[in-house]
Amino acid sequence: MTGLRYIHHVAVRWSDMDAYGHVNNARFLTLYEEARVALMFIGARAAGLTSLERGVVIVRHEVDYLRPVDFDDKVRIELWIEQIRPSRFDVGYELFDGDAVASRARSVCAPYDLAAQRPRRLTAEEAEFLGRYREEQP
C-alpha cells in the first residue's frame, strides 16, 4: 500500500552550521523533528485530529548522511509512515537538497500520555490519519 508523503520545507539556519560550513549532523534530527511535528500538529489538525499534539515520544532514530547540506541550500523533507502498530509507529524521511537526497532517516515514535507519564495506544482516529501516509520503505 502506498500513501501520500507529507512534504515540509525547512529553512536552514546559521545556527545549524558546523565549523566546516555544512549543516551539523545532529541538526539533521532537528530538521526532521520540524517536519514530523508539522505532520502531527498542522497536518493532523487540518484533518480534525488534535490528540497527537498531546504526546508522542521518540523511541529510536536512525540517520544516513549521503551528502553535505550548505547554508544557502533549499531543504525539503518528505516523510511517510512505514509501520503502524497499536503502541508505536515508524516514520521514514528523505531530506532533499534541491533535487538530490542528502539524507535518509527513520524514527520510531510512541504515543504517550503526558499527564499520566506513561505510554498509551494509538486511537483508531490516529491510526487512520497516519495510515494516509503509509508507505513501504523506499
Protein backbone atom coordinates (compact mmCIF):
# COMPACT_ATOMS: atom_id res chain seq x y z
CA MET A 1 0.00 0.00 0.00
CA THR A 2 1.41 3.38 -0.96
CA GLY A 3 0.12 6.53 0.67
CA LEU A 4 0.89 10.17 0.45
CA ARG A 5 4.13 11.73 1.51
CA TYR A 6 3.93 14.72 3.83
CA ILE A 7 6.16 17.47 2.44
CA HIS A 8 7.67 20.15 4.64
CA HIS A 9 10.04 22.92 3.56
CA VAL A 10 12.64 23.94 6.14
CA ALA A 11 14.88 26.97 6.27
CA VAL A 12 18.48 26.12 7.12
CA ARG A 13 19.60 28.50 9.87
CA TRP A 14 23.08 29.82 10.57
CA SER A 15 22.90 28.01 13.93
CA ASP A 16 22.53 24.69 12.04
CA MET A 17 26.05 25.02 10.64
CA ASP A 18 29.22 23.33 11.88
CA ALA A 19 32.84 24.51 11.71
CA TYR A 20 33.12 23.12 8.16
CA GLY A 21 30.27 25.26 6.82
CA HIS A 22 27.77 22.40 6.48
CA VAL A 23 24.66 21.51 8.44
CA ASN A 24 25.87 19.73 11.60
CA ASN A 25 24.96 16.05 11.77
CA ALA A 26 22.96 16.48 14.99
CA ARG A 27 20.96 19.33 13.46
CA PHE A 28 19.55 16.95 10.84
CA LEU A 29 17.48 15.47 13.69
CA THR A 30 16.13 18.96 14.44
CA LEU A 31 15.14 19.42 10.80
CA TYR A 32 13.45 16.02 10.79
CA GLU A 33 11.71 16.93 14.04
CA GLU A 34 10.29 20.10 12.49
CA ALA A 35 8.76 18.08 9.65
CA ARG A 36 7.40 15.38 12.00
CA VAL A 37 5.86 17.97 14.33
CA ALA A 38 4.30 19.74 11.34
CA LEU A 39 2.62 16.48 10.33
CA MET A 40 1.30 15.81 13.85
CA PHE A 41 0.23 19.38 14.61
CA ILE A 42 -0.57 21.14 11.31
CA GLY A 43 -1.44 18.16 9.12
CA ALA A 44 -3.42 16.31 11.78
CA ARG A 45 -5.24 19.44 12.91
CA ALA A 46 -6.26 20.16 9.29
CA ALA A 47 -7.77 16.65 9.29
CA GLY A 48 -9.67 17.40 12.51
CA LEU A 49 -7.33 15.46 14.80
CA THR A 50 -5.61 17.08 17.80
CA SER A 51 -4.80 14.12 20.04
CA LEU A 52 -1.29 13.59 18.62
CA GLU A 53 -0.42 17.06 19.95
CA ARG A 54 -0.91 15.78 23.49
CA GLY A 55 2.03 13.43 23.45
CA VAL A 56 4.30 11.40 21.21
CA VAL A 57 7.81 10.42 22.26
CA ILE A 58 10.78 9.18 20.25
CA VAL A 59 11.94 5.65 20.94
CA ARG A 60 14.70 5.48 18.31
CA HIS A 61 16.34 7.43 15.45
CA GLU A 62 18.41 6.14 12.54
CA VAL A 63 20.08 8.59 10.14
CA ASP A 64 22.08 8.02 6.95
CA TYR A 65 24.07 11.04 5.75
CA LEU A 66 24.53 10.95 1.99
CA ARG A 67 25.93 14.41 1.18
CA PRO A 68 26.60 17.72 2.96
CA VAL A 69 23.98 20.47 3.09
CA ASP A 70 25.17 24.09 2.96
CA PHE A 71 23.66 27.21 4.50
CA ASP A 72 22.04 28.62 1.35
CA ASP A 73 20.60 25.30 0.20
CA LYS A 74 16.85 24.91 -0.08
CA VAL A 75 15.78 21.95 2.03
CA ARG A 76 12.66 19.85 1.57
CA ILE A 77 11.76 16.97 3.82
CA GLU A 78 9.38 14.28 2.66
CA LEU A 79 8.09 11.90 5.29
CA TRP A 80 5.83 8.89 5.38
CA ILE A 81 4.70 6.23 7.81
CA GLU A 82 6.50 2.91 7.39
CA GLN A 83 4.66 0.90 10.00
CA ILE A 84 1.74 1.32 12.39
CA ARG A 85 1.33 -0.84 15.47
CA PRO A 86 -1.05 -0.32 18.42
CA SER A 87 1.65 1.24 20.61
CA ARG A 88 4.08 2.72 18.07
CA PHE A 89 4.57 3.97 14.54
CA ASP A 90 7.66 4.32 12.38
CA VAL A 91 8.32 7.47 10.37
CA GLY A 92 10.58 7.43 7.29
CA TYR A 93 12.17 10.60 5.91
CA GLU A 94 14.17 11.88 3.00
CA LEU A 95 15.86 15.28 3.18
CA PHE A 96 16.36 16.85 -0.22
CA ASP A 97 18.98 19.47 -1.05
CA GLY A 98 17.44 20.82 -4.24
CA ASP A 99 16.60 17.66 -6.20
CA ALA A 100 19.23 15.44 -4.55
CA VAL A 101 18.61 13.27 -1.50
CA ALA A 102 21.10 14.45 1.15
CA SER A 103 19.93 12.21 4.00
CA ARG A 104 17.52 9.42 4.86
CA ALA A 105 16.23 8.72 8.34
CA ARG A 106 13.76 6.74 10.37
CA SER A 107 12.16 7.43 13.76
CA VAL A 108 10.22 5.04 15.95
CA CYS A 109 7.54 7.03 17.77
CA ALA A 110 5.27 6.03 20.63
CA PRO A 111 2.05 7.75 21.68
CA TYR A 112 2.44 8.95 25.24
CA ASP A 113 0.07 10.20 27.92
CA LEU A 114 1.98 13.20 29.29
CA ALA A 115 -0.43 13.72 32.20
CA ALA A 116 -0.16 10.12 33.41
CA GLN A 117 3.53 9.86 32.37
CA ARG A 118 3.08 6.54 30.60
CA PRO A 119 2.83 5.10 27.10
CA ARG A 120 -0.58 4.69 25.55
CA ARG A 121 -2.06 3.06 22.46
CA LEU A 122 -2.93 4.83 19.24
CA THR A 123 -6.59 5.65 18.88
CA ALA A 124 -8.48 4.42 15.81
CA GLU A 125 -8.61 8.03 14.54
CA GLU A 126 -4.85 8.46 14.95
CA ALA A 127 -4.12 5.18 13.16
CA GLU A 128 -6.46 6.20 10.34
CA PHE A 129 -4.76 9.59 9.94
CA LEU A 130 -1.26 8.08 9.98
CA GLY A 131 -2.43 5.38 7.57
CA ARG A 132 -2.98 8.03 4.90
CA TYR A 133 0.80 8.40 4.81
CA ARG A 134 1.57 4.66 4.99
CA GLU A 135 4.26 3.70 2.53
CA GLU A 136 6.59 0.75 2.23
CA GLN A 137 10.26 1.53 2.84
CA PRO A 138 11.94 3.02 -0.23
